Protein backbone atom coordinates (compact mmCIF):
# COMPACT_ATOMS: atom_id res chain seq x y z
CA UNK A 1 9.42 -29.09 -12.67
CA UNK A 2 12.01 -27.34 -11.33
CA UNK A 3 11.22 -25.91 -8.16
CA UNK A 4 10.84 -21.65 -8.34
CA UNK A 5 13.70 -19.72 -7.49
CA UNK A 6 11.87 -16.19 -7.98
CA UNK A 7 11.74 -14.92 -4.14
CA UNK A 8 8.21 -14.53 -3.32
CA UNK A 9 8.52 -14.41 0.67
CA UNK A 10 7.05 -10.29 -0.35
CA UNK A 11 3.94 -12.55 -0.26
CA UNK A 12 4.35 -13.57 3.81
CA UNK A 13 5.55 -10.18 4.48
CA UNK A 14 2.22 -8.90 2.89
CA UNK A 15 0.63 -10.92 4.37
CA UNK A 16 1.27 -9.65 7.97
CA UNK A 17 0.99 -6.39 7.84
CA UNK A 18 -2.17 -7.09 5.86
CA UNK A 19 -3.09 -8.80 8.88
CA UNK A 20 -2.25 -5.79 11.65
CA UNK A 21 -3.72 -3.29 8.95
CA UNK A 22 -7.09 -5.12 9.87
CA UNK A 23 -6.74 -5.18 13.41
CA UNK A 24 -6.14 -1.51 13.56
CA UNK A 25 -9.32 -0.67 11.38
CA UNK A 26 -11.32 -2.17 13.24
CA UNK A 27 -10.70 -1.54 16.52
CA UNK A 28 -10.41 2.55 15.77
CA UNK A 29 -13.18 4.47 17.38
CA UNK A 30 -14.24 7.71 15.21
CA UNK A 31 -12.75 9.77 17.43
CA UNK A 32 -9.01 7.88 16.62
CA UNK A 33 -9.77 8.01 12.70
CA UNK A 34 -9.53 12.14 13.28
CA UNK A 35 -6.99 12.26 15.81
CA UNK A 36 -3.85 14.31 14.00
CA UNK A 37 -0.27 12.71 12.96
CA UNK A 38 2.86 14.18 11.27
CA UNK A 39 2.53 16.89 9.07
CA UNK A 40 -0.76 17.76 8.93
CA UNK A 41 -2.65 13.85 8.30
CA UNK A 42 -4.73 12.19 10.90
CA UNK A 43 -5.34 8.84 10.60
CA UNK A 44 -7.50 8.15 8.20
CA UNK A 45 -5.80 10.43 5.84
CA UNK A 46 -2.41 8.11 6.44
CA UNK A 47 -4.39 5.25 5.50
CA UNK A 48 -5.71 7.03 3.08
CA UNK A 49 -2.58 7.54 1.09
CA UNK A 50 -2.02 4.18 1.50
CA UNK A 51 -4.83 2.73 -0.22
CA UNK A 52 -3.08 5.51 -2.63
CA UNK A 53 0.25 3.45 -3.19
CA UNK A 54 -1.54 -0.35 -2.93
CA UNK A 55 -3.59 1.39 -5.53
CA UNK A 56 -0.50 2.01 -8.03
CA UNK A 57 0.77 -0.66 -7.95
CA UNK A 58 -3.27 -2.61 -8.60
CA UNK A 59 -3.36 0.34 -11.56
CA UNK A 60 0.21 -0.59 -12.84
CA UNK A 61 -0.01 -4.54 -12.45
CA UNK A 62 -3.77 -4.03 -15.00
CA UNK A 63 -1.18 -2.64 -17.08
CA UNK A 64 1.14 -4.41 -17.58
CA UNK A 65 -1.31 -7.48 -17.65
CA UNK A 66 -2.49 -5.55 -21.05
CA UNK A 67 1.07 -4.39 -22.35
CA UNK A 68 2.41 -1.31 -20.37
CA UNK A 69 5.12 -2.01 -18.93
CA UNK A 70 4.88 0.03 -15.22
CA UNK A 71 7.01 3.63 -15.16
CA UNK A 72 9.25 3.22 -12.27
CA UNK A 73 8.23 6.56 -9.90
CA UNK A 74 11.72 8.86 -8.89
CA UNK A 75 12.19 9.64 -5.77
CA UNK A 76 11.66 13.11 -6.00
CA UNK A 77 7.74 12.84 -7.69
CA UNK A 78 6.89 11.24 -4.33
CA UNK A 79 6.82 13.89 -1.91
CA UNK A 80 4.81 16.07 -4.22
CA UNK A 81 2.74 13.18 -4.91
CA UNK A 82 2.14 12.94 -1.33
CA UNK A 83 1.38 16.70 -1.61
CA UNK A 84 -1.37 17.20 -3.86
CA UNK A 85 -3.17 13.87 -3.37
CA UNK A 86 -3.16 15.58 1.26
CA UNK A 87 -6.53 17.58 0.72
CA UNK A 88 -7.99 14.39 -1.47
CA UNK A 89 -7.08 12.04 1.77
CA UNK A 90 -8.01 14.64 4.27
CA UNK A 91 -11.56 15.31 2.69
CA UNK A 92 -12.31 11.53 2.41
CA UNK A 93 -14.89 10.50 5.43
CA UNK A 94 -12.59 8.92 8.13
CA UNK A 95 -14.44 5.40 8.38
CA UNK A 96 -14.29 5.48 4.72
CA UNK A 97 -10.81 6.38 3.94
CA UNK A 98 -9.68 3.11 6.45
CA UNK A 99 -12.27 0.57 4.71
CA UNK A 100 -10.27 1.85 1.27
CA UNK A 101 -6.86 0.90 2.73
CA UNK A 102 -8.24 -2.59 3.84
CA UNK A 103 -10.21 -3.59 0.92
CA UNK A 104 -7.31 -1.64 -1.74
CA UNK A 105 -4.57 -4.21 0.51
CA UNK A 106 -6.54 -7.38 0.28
CA UNK A 107 -6.89 -6.70 -4.07
CA UNK A 108 -3.80 -5.84 -4.16
CA UNK A 109 -2.61 -9.12 -1.72
CA UNK A 110 -4.94 -11.64 -4.03
CA UNK A 111 -2.98 -9.74 -6.96
CA UNK A 112 0.34 -10.26 -5.88
CA UNK A 113 -0.28 -13.22 -4.71
CA UNK A 114 -0.69 -14.66 -8.17
CA UNK A 115 1.77 -12.71 -10.24
CA UNK A 116 3.64 -15.36 -11.93
CA UNK A 117 7.07 -16.17 -11.66
CA UNK A 118 8.03 -14.79 -14.86
CA UNK A 119 6.67 -11.23 -14.11
CA UNK A 120 8.46 -10.82 -10.20
CA UNK A 121 11.55 -11.58 -12.82
CA UNK A 122 10.83 -9.40 -14.94
CA UNK A 123 10.65 -6.27 -12.43
CA UNK A 124 12.98 -7.58 -10.68
CA UNK A 125 15.39 -7.47 -13.98
CA UNK A 126 13.86 -4.06 -14.20
CA UNK A 127 14.83 -2.60 -11.07
CA UNK A 128 11.54 -3.42 -9.70
CA UNK A 129 9.23 -0.45 -10.63
CA UNK A 130 6.27 -2.21 -8.59
CA UNK A 131 7.21 -2.47 -4.70
CA UNK A 132 5.77 -5.48 -4.67
CA UNK A 133 6.32 -5.75 -0.91
CA UNK A 134 3.74 -3.46 -0.07
CA UNK A 135 4.66 -4.49 4.16
CA UNK A 136 7.30 -1.45 4.40
CA UNK A 137 4.56 1.09 3.53
CA UNK A 138 2.40 -0.45 5.50
CA UNK A 139 4.50 -0.61 8.64
CA UNK A 140 6.10 2.56 8.62
CA UNK A 141 2.23 3.86 8.48
CA UNK A 142 1.24 1.74 10.54
CA UNK A 143 3.55 2.09 13.27
CA UNK A 144 3.53 5.56 13.33
CA UNK A 145 -0.33 5.17 14.29
CA UNK A 146 -0.16 2.64 16.92
CA UNK A 147 2.57 5.11 18.46
CA UNK A 148 0.21 8.22 18.08
CA UNK A 149 -3.20 6.44 19.41
CA UNK A 150 -1.04 5.55 22.49
């Protein structure tokens, strides 16, 4: 069997940011979780936001397994989706939001690690409607949270 030519570097990148997410959540106090972040969010709500976008990928991977190809998200839609979801993210109990961020990231990373090469290649060929490199989004928010907590 020939070695895979599919780029699976996203697995290691995601794992690194998941470790960072776990470590952050473990050390966050209740006061840290409710600390404000830019745009009217809080640390906990920002973590819920990360969980939401990871859950979106889990949703589409499940649908794809059942024959429905993932839909790309339009860049213009990201802002209204974030704005619409913000009240829900803010309403979650802070510790629940933090726990969900870790649990959903763990579930997604397991699923992405097991994703067959043909699915990774098909996602790439379709213009990457699913962002398999979850590390980028996680890193952006973890960097912001760590800056705020300093």
